[in-house]
Amino acid sequence: MIGLSPMDDITDLPFRELCKEFGADLLVTEFIASEALNRDAEKSLRKMRFTEQQRPIGIQIFGADEDELLRCLEIVEQAEPDFLDINWGCPVRKVAGKGAGSGILQDVPKMLRITAGIVKKAHLPVTVKTRLAYSADSMKVTDFAEALQDTGIAALAIHGRTKTQMYSGAADWTMIGEVKNNPRMHIPIFGNGDITTAAQALDSKRRYGVDGILIGRGAIGNPWIFEQCAHVFHGEHERTIPVVERVEVCRRHLQAAIAFKGERTAIFEMRKHYASYFKGLYNFKPYRLALVAATSLADMERLFDQIAEQYHNN
């Protein structure tokens, strides 16, 4: 099973729709602050939206306050996702610095207590996404994975870095493999980190035996990676994506994002995708700079047409 790993301001409804179209088996929303849901914050409520075509899908929540996390469950369940995912993995300062995300890995007993409370109250399956540890010298996931399982979670996803690593260095999958191959573990284990090609996904699946793989940054501007994984996993060759298709899918992505969150916000957030949508094209830098500088849909449409014409033989 190959899923899309949640990323803030990346894995919104329009992008998830494309990833599903190109073969993602599992989707999770952007992470949503429990406190914001309890305040009925418009942006947070919008993040929960999904289409029926995106199932199976989970809504991911984060927070450090147990009462706030428990209070938001009713709001999440009203959206009727297939499961609820708890983010115990985000390393960014504004989250982890408040004891949420991977910040809670400094207090594993608290993480276990809150997780158990959520599982007990929730009417949906509960999953967890976390990291290897807070730091290299703190308690490792191999030490607390069984305890997380004992809280009643339905699955566990592990990113192969510590909190202090952020996104630097290489993801270490050895501990992910140790958790998966622990004979006392019986829930599905998903691995995450540095999967940018279908070949890497297949190698990680074979080497570490995980039940599934979540792809994060490797999917940015590249929804085809799920299709490519499916082909490689079945012993088939990857399809080369022609430039005309890259342009049209990128165009559809932008149009859907504008319809979902407005032109100004969509154009700004789409800038994170362009380098990957057009990765490897010769002498593309002038177009890339123009794409990230454009401020209107009309400007973007002209650029898309120019790129399709310039690279029509690629």
Protein backbone atom coordinates (compact mmCIF):
# COMPACT_ATOMS: atom_id res chain seq x y z
CA MET A 1 0.00 0.00 0.00
CA ILE A 2 1.39 3.39 -1.04
CA GLY A 3 -0.07 6.49 0.59
CA LEU A 4 0.37 10.25 0.54
CA SER A 5 2.05 11.58 3.66
CA PRO A 6 0.34 14.70 5.05
CA MET A 7 2.17 18.01 4.51
CA ASP A 8 0.92 21.42 5.58
CA ASP A 9 -0.16 23.68 2.69
CA ILE A 10 0.70 20.85 0.26
CA THR A 11 -1.71 17.94 0.66
CA ASP A 12 -4.90 19.95 0.35
CA LEU A 13 -8.06 18.63 -1.29
CA PRO A 14 -7.10 19.51 -4.91
CA PHE A 15 -3.66 17.88 -4.68
CA ARG A 16 -5.05 14.79 -2.94
CA GLU A 17 -7.55 14.47 -5.78
CA LEU A 18 -4.71 14.28 -8.29
CA CYS A 19 -2.74 11.81 -6.18
CA LYS A 20 -5.80 9.58 -5.96
CA GLU A 21 -6.33 9.84 -9.71
CA PHE A 22 -2.77 8.63 -10.24
CA GLY A 23 -3.05 5.69 -7.88
CA ALA A 24 -2.48 6.68 -4.25
CA ASP A 25 -3.97 3.92 -2.10
CA LEU A 26 -4.33 6.01 1.06
CA LEU A 27 -4.73 9.73 1.76
CA VAL A 28 -4.47 11.86 4.88
CA THR A 29 -5.42 15.52 5.21
CA GLU A 30 -3.03 18.29 6.16
CA PHE A 31 -2.56 18.36 9.92
CA ILE A 32 -5.17 20.38 11.78
CA ALA A 33 -4.76 22.02 15.19
CA SER A 34 -7.26 20.70 17.73
CA GLU A 35 -7.59 24.17 19.30
CA ALA A 36 -8.46 25.70 15.93
CA LEU A 37 -11.15 23.10 15.29
CA ASN A 38 -12.66 23.80 18.69
CA ARG A 39 -12.80 27.52 17.77
CA ASP A 40 -14.49 26.70 14.44
CA ALA A 41 -11.61 28.34 12.57
CA GLU A 42 -12.61 28.52 8.91
CA LYS A 43 -9.24 27.43 7.48
CA SER A 44 -9.08 24.41 9.77
CA LEU A 45 -12.61 23.34 8.94
CA ARG A 46 -11.79 23.66 5.23
CA LYS A 47 -8.77 21.39 5.68
CA MET A 48 -11.12 18.60 6.79
CA ARG A 49 -13.04 18.61 3.51
CA PHE A 50 -12.60 15.70 1.13
CA THR A 51 -14.49 13.99 -1.68
CA GLU A 52 -15.91 10.49 -1.69
CA GLN A 53 -13.43 9.58 -4.43
CA GLN A 54 -10.57 10.18 -1.98
CA ARG A 55 -11.50 7.33 0.35
CA PRO A 56 -9.93 5.72 2.27
CA ILE A 57 -8.89 8.97 3.91
CA GLY A 58 -7.91 10.05 7.40
CA ILE A 59 -8.12 13.42 9.10
CA GLN A 60 -4.92 14.26 10.96
CA ILE A 61 -5.01 16.32 14.15
CA PHE A 62 -2.29 17.71 16.37
CA GLY A 63 -2.03 19.43 19.72
CA ALA A 64 -0.43 19.19 23.15
CA ASP A 65 -3.47 19.68 25.37
CA GLU A 66 -5.35 16.47 26.10
CA ASP A 67 -8.68 18.18 26.73
CA GLU A 68 -8.50 20.11 23.45
CA LEU A 69 -7.64 16.96 21.52
CA LEU A 70 -10.53 15.04 23.07
CA ARG A 71 -12.97 17.91 22.50
CA CYS A 72 -12.23 18.09 18.78
CA LEU A 73 -13.06 14.42 18.15
CA GLU A 74 -16.76 15.07 17.72
CA ILE A 75 -16.03 17.73 15.08
CA VAL A 76 -13.70 15.40 13.20
CA GLU A 77 -16.12 12.49 13.32
CA GLN A 78 -18.94 14.62 11.91
CA ALA A 79 -16.88 14.83 8.72
CA GLU A 80 -17.02 11.01 8.52
CA PRO A 81 -13.45 10.16 7.50
CA ASP A 82 -12.34 6.54 7.43
CA PHE A 83 -9.91 7.03 10.31
CA LEU A 84 -8.40 9.62 12.62
CA ASP A 85 -4.63 10.18 12.55
CA ILE A 86 -2.65 11.74 15.42
CA ASN A 87 0.42 13.75 14.46
CA TRP A 88 3.20 12.97 16.93
CA GLY A 89 5.83 13.65 14.27
CA CYS A 90 5.89 17.27 13.05
CA PRO A 91 9.31 18.74 13.93
CA VAL A 92 8.76 22.44 13.14
CA ARG A 93 9.37 24.83 16.02
CA LYS A 94 5.90 26.41 16.14
CA VAL A 95 4.42 22.93 16.71
CA ALA A 96 7.07 20.88 18.51
CA GLY A 97 8.13 23.83 20.62
CA LYS A 98 4.71 23.77 22.26
CA GLY A 99 4.91 20.06 23.03
CA ALA A 100 2.80 18.99 20.07
CA GLY A 101 3.96 16.96 17.07
CA SER A 102 7.35 15.40 17.73
CA GLY A 103 7.81 17.71 20.71
CA ILE A 104 5.84 15.22 22.77
CA LEU A 105 8.58 12.63 22.25
CA GLN A 106 10.33 14.32 25.16
CA ASP A 107 7.48 12.98 27.32
CA VAL A 108 6.56 9.53 25.98
CA PRO A 109 4.30 8.68 28.96
CA LYS A 110 2.20 11.75 28.16
CA MET A 111 2.04 10.73 24.49
CA LEU A 112 0.83 7.27 25.47
CA ARG A 113 -1.74 8.65 27.92
CA ILE A 114 -3.21 11.08 25.38
CA THR A 115 -3.23 8.48 22.61
CA ALA A 116 -5.04 5.99 24.86
CA GLY A 117 -7.60 8.65 25.77
CA ILE A 118 -8.28 9.46 22.13
CA VAL A 119 -8.63 5.78 21.20
CA LYS A 120 -11.05 5.23 24.07
CA LYS A 121 -13.27 8.17 23.14
CA ALA A 122 -13.13 7.96 19.35
CA HIS A 123 -15.68 6.03 17.30
CA LEU A 124 -13.24 5.75 14.40
CA PRO A 125 -10.03 3.73 14.00
CA VAL A 126 -7.11 5.80 15.31
CA THR A 127 -3.64 5.79 13.74
CA VAL A 128 -0.43 7.54 14.75
CA LYS A 129 2.40 9.13 12.78
CA THR A 130 5.63 9.74 14.66
CA ARG A 131 9.43 9.88 14.34
CA LEU A 132 12.29 7.66 15.45
CA ALA A 133 12.85 9.69 18.63
CA TYR A 134 13.17 13.26 19.87
CA SER A 135 16.96 13.13 19.52
CA ALA A 136 19.67 10.54 19.03
CA ASP A 137 20.11 10.07 22.79
CA SER A 138 16.42 9.89 23.79
CA MET A 139 13.91 7.05 23.91
CA LYS A 140 13.59 5.38 20.51
CA VAL A 141 10.47 4.24 18.68
CA THR A 142 11.70 0.67 19.05
CA ASP A 143 11.23 1.14 22.81
CA PHE A 144 7.71 2.60 22.75
CA ALA A 145 6.08 1.15 19.60
CA GLU A 146 4.62 -1.78 21.54
CA ALA A 147 3.21 0.59 24.16
CA LEU A 148 1.59 2.65 21.39
CA GLN A 149 0.11 -0.54 19.98
CA ASP A 150 -1.24 -1.38 23.43
CA THR A 151 -3.23 1.89 23.48
CA GLY A 152 -5.39 0.38 20.74
CA ILE A 153 -4.22 2.24 17.66
CA ALA A 154 -5.01 0.62 14.33
CA ALA A 155 -1.70 1.39 12.56
CA LEU A 156 1.59 3.20 13.10
CA ALA A 157 3.53 5.31 10.57
CA ILE A 158 7.17 6.16 11.31
CA HIS A 159 9.31 8.82 9.67
CA GLY A 160 12.96 7.77 9.64
CA ARG A 161 14.41 10.84 11.35
CA THR A 162 14.50 12.27 14.87
CA LYS A 163 12.84 15.55 15.78
CA THR A 164 16.19 17.33 16.09
CA GLN A 165 17.19 16.22 12.60
CA MET A 166 14.21 18.07 11.12
CA TYR A 167 14.60 17.12 7.42
CA SER A 168 18.41 17.06 7.31
CA GLY A 169 20.56 14.03 6.62
CA ALA A 170 19.21 10.75 5.31
CA ALA A 171 16.17 8.97 6.67
CA ASP A 172 17.15 5.87 8.67
CA TRP A 173 14.81 3.00 7.91
CA THR A 174 16.60 0.43 10.09
CA MET A 175 14.54 1.22 13.18
CA ILE A 176 11.37 1.22 11.11
CA GLY A 177 12.32 -2.29 10.03
CA GLU A 178 13.02 -3.29 13.64
CA VAL A 179 9.53 -2.20 14.68
CA LYS A 180 7.92 -4.01 11.78
CA ASN A 181 9.89 -7.21 12.42
CA ASN A 182 9.25 -7.26 16.15
CA PRO A 183 7.21 -10.47 16.54
CA ARG A 184 5.05 -8.80 19.18
CA MET A 185 3.85 -6.12 16.77
CA HIS A 186 0.66 -7.03 14.95
CA ILE A 187 -0.67 -3.70 13.65
CA PRO A 188 0.31 -2.42 10.18
CA ILE A 189 3.57 -0.45 10.10
CA PHE A 190 4.11 2.26 7.49
CA GLY A 191 7.52 3.70 6.65
CA ASN A 192 8.17 7.27 5.55
CA GLY A 193 11.19 9.30 4.55
CA ASP A 194 13.27 10.03 1.42
CA ILE A 195 11.14 8.02 -1.00
CA THR A 196 11.36 9.98 -4.25
CA THR A 197 11.23 7.19 -6.84
CA ALA A 198 9.29 4.00 -7.39
CA ALA A 199 12.52 2.01 -7.26
CA GLN A 200 13.26 3.36 -3.77
CA ALA A 201 9.76 2.46 -2.63
CA LEU A 202 10.12 -1.11 -3.90
CA ASP A 203 13.57 -1.48 -2.30
CA SER A 204 12.31 -0.22 1.07
CA LYS A 205 9.31 -2.54 0.94
CA ARG A 206 11.50 -5.55 0.20
CA ARG A 207 14.29 -4.66 2.61
CA TYR A 208 12.26 -3.70 5.67
CA GLY A 209 9.02 -5.60 5.13
CA VAL A 210 6.74 -2.68 5.98
CA ASP A 211 3.03 -3.00 5.32
CA GLY A 212 2.93 0.30 3.49
CA ILE A 213 4.93 3.34 2.48
CA LEU A 214 3.96 6.99 2.81
CA ILE A 215 5.42 9.39 0.27
CA GLY A 216 5.76 13.04 1.26
CA ARG A 217 8.15 15.43 -0.45
CA GLY A 218 8.64 12.96 -3.31
CA ALA A 219 5.03 13.56 -4.33
CA ILE A 220 5.23 17.37 -4.45
CA GLY A 221 4.58 18.35 -8.05
CA ASN A 222 4.74 14.65 -8.89
CA PRO A 223 1.39 12.89 -8.37
CA TRP A 224 2.53 10.30 -10.95
CA ILE A 225 4.84 8.69 -8.38
CA PHE A 226 1.93 6.57 -7.13
CA GLU A 227 1.21 5.26 -10.62
CA GLN A 228 4.92 4.57 -11.09
CA CYS A 229 5.07 2.66 -7.80
CA ALA A 230 2.13 0.50 -8.84
CA HIS A 231 3.85 -0.32 -12.13
CA VAL A 232 7.19 -1.19 -10.53
CA PHE A 233 5.57 -3.22 -7.75
CA HIS A 234 3.89 -5.34 -10.43
CA GLY A 235 7.11 -5.82 -12.40
CA GLU A 236 6.17 -3.33 -15.10
CA HIS A 237 8.17 -0.43 -16.52
CA GLU A 238 7.48 3.11 -15.37
CA ARG A 239 5.70 5.35 -17.85
CA THR A 240 7.62 8.45 -18.93
CA ILE A 241 5.46 11.52 -18.34
CA PRO A 242 5.50 13.79 -21.42
CA VAL A 243 5.76 17.55 -20.93
CA VAL A 244 2.33 18.17 -22.43
CA GLU A 245 0.83 16.00 -19.68
CA ARG A 246 2.90 17.68 -16.98
CA VAL A 247 1.65 21.07 -18.16
CA GLU A 248 -2.00 20.01 -18.28
CA VAL A 249 -1.96 18.32 -14.87
CA CYS A 250 -0.19 21.32 -13.33
CA ARG A 251 -2.78 23.59 -14.97
CA ARG A 252 -5.63 21.47 -13.59
CA HIS A 253 -3.99 21.50 -10.17
CA LEU A 254 -3.81 25.29 -10.13
CA GLN A 255 -7.38 25.73 -11.40
CA ALA A 256 -8.72 23.34 -8.75
CA ALA A 257 -6.69 25.07 -6.04
CA ILE A 258 -8.09 28.45 -7.06
CA ALA A 259 -11.63 27.09 -6.95
CA PHE A 260 -10.93 25.66 -3.48
CA LYS A 261 -9.12 28.50 -1.72
CA GLY A 262 -9.08 31.56 -3.99
CA GLU A 263 -6.70 32.86 -6.63
CA ARG A 264 -4.21 34.72 -4.44
CA THR A 265 -3.66 31.91 -1.91
CA ALA A 266 -3.63 29.17 -4.52
CA ILE A 267 -1.07 30.88 -6.74
CA PHE A 268 1.20 31.48 -3.74
CA GLU A 269 0.97 27.92 -2.40
CA MET A 270 1.38 26.32 -5.85
CA ARG A 271 4.88 27.79 -6.08
CA LYS A 272 6.09 24.85 -3.99
CA HIS A 273 5.14 22.45 -6.81
CA TYR A 274 6.53 23.97 -10.01
CA ALA A 275 10.17 22.89 -9.74
CA SER A 276 9.06 19.26 -9.45
CA TYR A 277 6.34 19.40 -12.11
CA PHE A 278 8.99 20.45 -14.63
CA LYS A 279 12.07 18.79 -13.15
CA GLY A 280 14.76 17.89 -15.65
CA LEU A 281 13.72 20.18 -18.49
CA TYR A 282 16.68 21.78 -20.23
CA ASN A 283 17.17 25.51 -19.65
CA PHE A 284 13.94 25.76 -17.65
CA LYS A 285 15.17 28.29 -15.08
CA PRO A 286 13.67 31.38 -16.81
CA TYR A 287 10.25 29.72 -16.85
CA ARG A 288 10.58 28.60 -13.23
CA LEU A 289 11.38 32.15 -12.14
CA ALA A 290 8.42 33.45 -14.15
CA LEU A 291 6.09 30.86 -12.63
CA VAL A 292 6.97 31.80 -9.05
CA ALA A 293 6.72 35.51 -9.86
CA ALA A 294 3.31 35.36 -11.57
CA THR A 295 0.41 36.78 -9.58
CA SER A 296 -2.67 36.01 -11.71
CA LEU A 297 -4.30 33.03 -13.35
CA ALA A 298 -4.10 34.78 -16.72
CA ASP A 299 -0.32 35.11 -16.38
CA MET A 300 -0.06 31.46 -15.35
CA GLU A 301 -2.13 30.27 -18.29
CA ARG A 302 0.14 32.14 -20.73
CA LEU A 303 3.21 30.58 -19.14
CA PHE A 304 1.71 27.09 -19.31
CA ASP A 305 1.00 27.59 -23.03
CA GLN A 306 4.56 28.80 -23.63
CA ILE A 307 6.07 25.83 -21.78
CA ALA A 308 3.92 23.36 -23.72
CA GLU A 309 5.01 24.96 -27.01
CA GLN A 310 8.68 25.21 -26.07
CA TYR A 311 8.98 21.62 -24.90
CA HIS A 312 6.36 19.91 -27.07
CA ASN A 313 8.84 17.31 -28.29
CA ASN A 314 9.86 16.23 -24.75
